[in-house]
């Protein structure tokens, strides 16, 4: 890995530059956005879908127009 060649002093310097550029208030949101982007990228590669169809028991409790929409999409 490329960061294995960086010493601890260089890593601290990189962290300080990032802190100065983005500020301490934006760093958590940047990390969160980066994590969501990585997760979405992995999901797109594997083709996994975390939105399974409703079980039949839950489907019976839906109004008639919602049932028709679900039947059209499946």
C-alpha atoms as a PDB file:
ATOM      1  CA  UNK A   1       0.000   0.000   0.000  1.00  0.00           C
ATOM      2  CA  UNK A   2       1.194   3.482  -0.818  1.00  0.00           C
ATOM      3  CA  UNK A   3       0.688   4.894   2.696  1.00  0.00           C
ATOM      4  CA  UNK A   4       3.086   2.323   4.153  1.00  0.00           C
ATOM      5  CA  UNK A   5       5.933   4.526   2.959  1.00  0.00           C
ATOM      6  CA  UNK A   6       4.755   7.544   4.968  1.00  0.00           C
ATOM      7  CA  UNK A   7       6.234   8.139   8.392  1.00  0.00           C
ATOM      8  CA  UNK A   8       4.145   9.243  11.363  1.00  0.00           C
ATOM      9  CA  UNK A   9       5.369  12.836  10.989  1.00  0.00           C
ATOM     10  CA  UNK A  10       4.259  12.948   7.360  1.00  0.00           C
ATOM     11  CA  UNK A  11       0.841  11.509   8.264  1.00  0.00           C
ATOM     12  CA  UNK A  12       0.378  14.176  10.945  1.00  0.00           C
ATOM     13  CA  UNK A  13       1.330  16.861   8.428  1.00  0.00           C
ATOM     14  CA  UNK A  14      -1.200  15.531   5.899  1.00  0.00           C
ATOM     15  CA  UNK A  15      -3.898  15.439   8.597  1.00  0.00           C
ATOM     16  CA  UNK A  16      -3.139  19.053   9.608  1.00  0.00           C
ATOM     17  CA  UNK A  17      -3.340  20.244   5.992  1.00  0.00           C
ATOM     18  CA  UNK A  18      -6.715  18.508   5.561  1.00  0.00           C
ATOM     19  CA  UNK A  19      -7.900  20.016   8.847  1.00  0.00           C
ATOM     20  CA  UNK A  20      -6.885  23.508   7.735  1.00  0.00           C
ATOM     21  CA  UNK A  21      -8.481  23.116   4.293  1.00  0.00           C
ATOM     22  CA  UNK A  22     -11.835  21.722   5.405  1.00  0.00           C
ATOM     23  CA  UNK A  23     -12.157  22.810   9.024  1.00  0.00           C
ATOM     24  CA  UNK A  24     -13.073  20.682  11.994  1.00  0.00           C
ATOM     25  CA  UNK A  25     -16.826  21.060  11.468  1.00  0.00           C
ATOM     26  CA  UNK A  26     -16.833  19.600   7.932  1.00  0.00           C
ATOM     27  CA  UNK A  27     -14.533  16.625   8.568  1.00  0.00           C
ATOM     28  CA  UNK A  28     -17.262  14.350  10.048  1.00  0.00           C
ATOM     29  CA  UNK A  29     -19.626  15.071   7.154  1.00  0.00           C
ATOM     30  CA  UNK A  30     -16.842  14.425   4.635  1.00  0.00           C
ATOM     31  CA  UNK A  31     -16.034  11.105   6.292  1.00  0.00           C
ATOM     32  CA  UNK A  32     -19.692  10.139   6.324  1.00  0.00           C
ATOM     33  CA  UNK A  33     -20.112  11.022   2.654  1.00  0.00           C
ATOM     34  CA  UNK A  34     -16.969   9.074   1.751  1.00  0.00           C
ATOM     35  CA  UNK A  35     -18.199   6.020   3.658  1.00  0.00           C
ATOM     36  CA  UNK A  36     -21.622   6.121   1.985  1.00  0.00           C
ATOM     37  CA  UNK A  37     -19.956   6.456  -1.408  1.00  0.00           C
ATOM     38  CA  UNK A  38     -17.725   3.440  -0.777  1.00  0.00           C
ATOM     39  CA  UNK A  39     -20.707   1.376   0.406  1.00  0.00           C
ATOM     40  CA  UNK A  40     -22.757   2.333  -2.660  1.00  0.00           C
ATOM     41  CA  UNK A  41     -19.833   1.445  -4.913  1.00  0.00           C
ATOM     42  CA  UNK A  42     -19.479  -1.985  -3.282  1.00  0.00           C
ATOM     43  CA  UNK A  43     -23.224  -2.617  -3.582  1.00  0.00           C
ATOM     44  CA  UNK A  44     -23.148  -1.726  -7.259  1.00  0.00           C
ATOM     45  CA  UNK A  45     -20.270  -4.147  -7.860  1.00  0.00           C
ATOM     46  CA  UNK A  46     -21.913  -7.066  -6.069  1.00  0.00           C
ATOM     47  CA  UNK A  47     -25.422  -6.304  -7.297  1.00  0.00           C
ATOM     48  CA  UNK A  48     -26.877  -6.841  -3.837  1.00  0.00           C
ATOM     49  CA  UNK A  49     -30.211  -5.255  -3.060  1.00  0.00           C
ATOM     50  CA  UNK A  50     -31.212  -4.467   0.527  1.00  0.00           C
ATOM     51  CA  UNK A  51     -34.827  -3.723  -0.405  1.00  0.00           C
ATOM     52  CA  UNK A  52     -36.505  -7.116  -0.492  1.00  0.00           C
ATOM     53  CA  UNK A  53     -40.148  -7.399  -1.479  1.00  0.00           C
ATOM     54  CA  UNK A  54     -42.714  -7.176   1.274  1.00  0.00           C
ATOM     55  CA  UNK A  55     -43.687 -10.506   2.829  1.00  0.00           C
ATOM     56  CA  UNK A  56     -47.140 -11.727   1.887  1.00  0.00           C
ATOM     57  CA  UNK A  57     -48.498 -11.058   5.395  1.00  0.00           C
ATOM     58  CA  UNK A  58     -47.602  -7.370   5.136  1.00  0.00           C
ATOM     59  CA  UNK A  59     -48.891  -7.219   1.583  1.00  0.00           C
ATOM     60  CA  UNK A  60     -52.407  -8.169   2.731  1.00  0.00           C
ATOM     61  CA  UNK A  61     -52.621  -5.050   4.916  1.00  0.00           C
ATOM     62  CA  UNK A  62     -52.001  -2.657   2.020  1.00  0.00           C
ATOM     63  CA  UNK A  63     -54.800  -0.763   0.262  1.00  0.00           C
ATOM     64  CA  UNK A  64     -55.954  -2.163  -3.081  1.00  0.00           C
ATOM     65  CA  UNK A  65     -54.192   0.499  -5.161  1.00  0.00           C
ATOM     66  CA  UNK A  66     -50.872  -0.195  -3.399  1.00  0.00           C
ATOM     67  CA  UNK A  67     -51.282  -3.932  -4.048  1.00  0.00           C
ATOM     68  CA  UNK A  68     -51.851  -3.215  -7.744  1.00  0.00           C
ATOM     69  CA  UNK A  69     -48.702  -1.066  -7.896  1.00  0.00           C
ATOM     70  CA  UNK A  70     -46.631  -3.813  -6.267  1.00  0.00           C
ATOM     71  CA  UNK A  71     -48.012  -6.487  -8.586  1.00  0.00           C
ATOM     72  CA  UNK A  72     -47.114  -4.354 -11.611  1.00  0.00           C
ATOM     73  CA  UNK A  73     -43.551  -3.825 -10.425  1.00  0.00           C
ATOM     74  CA  UNK A  74     -42.879  -7.471  -9.543  1.00  0.00           C
END
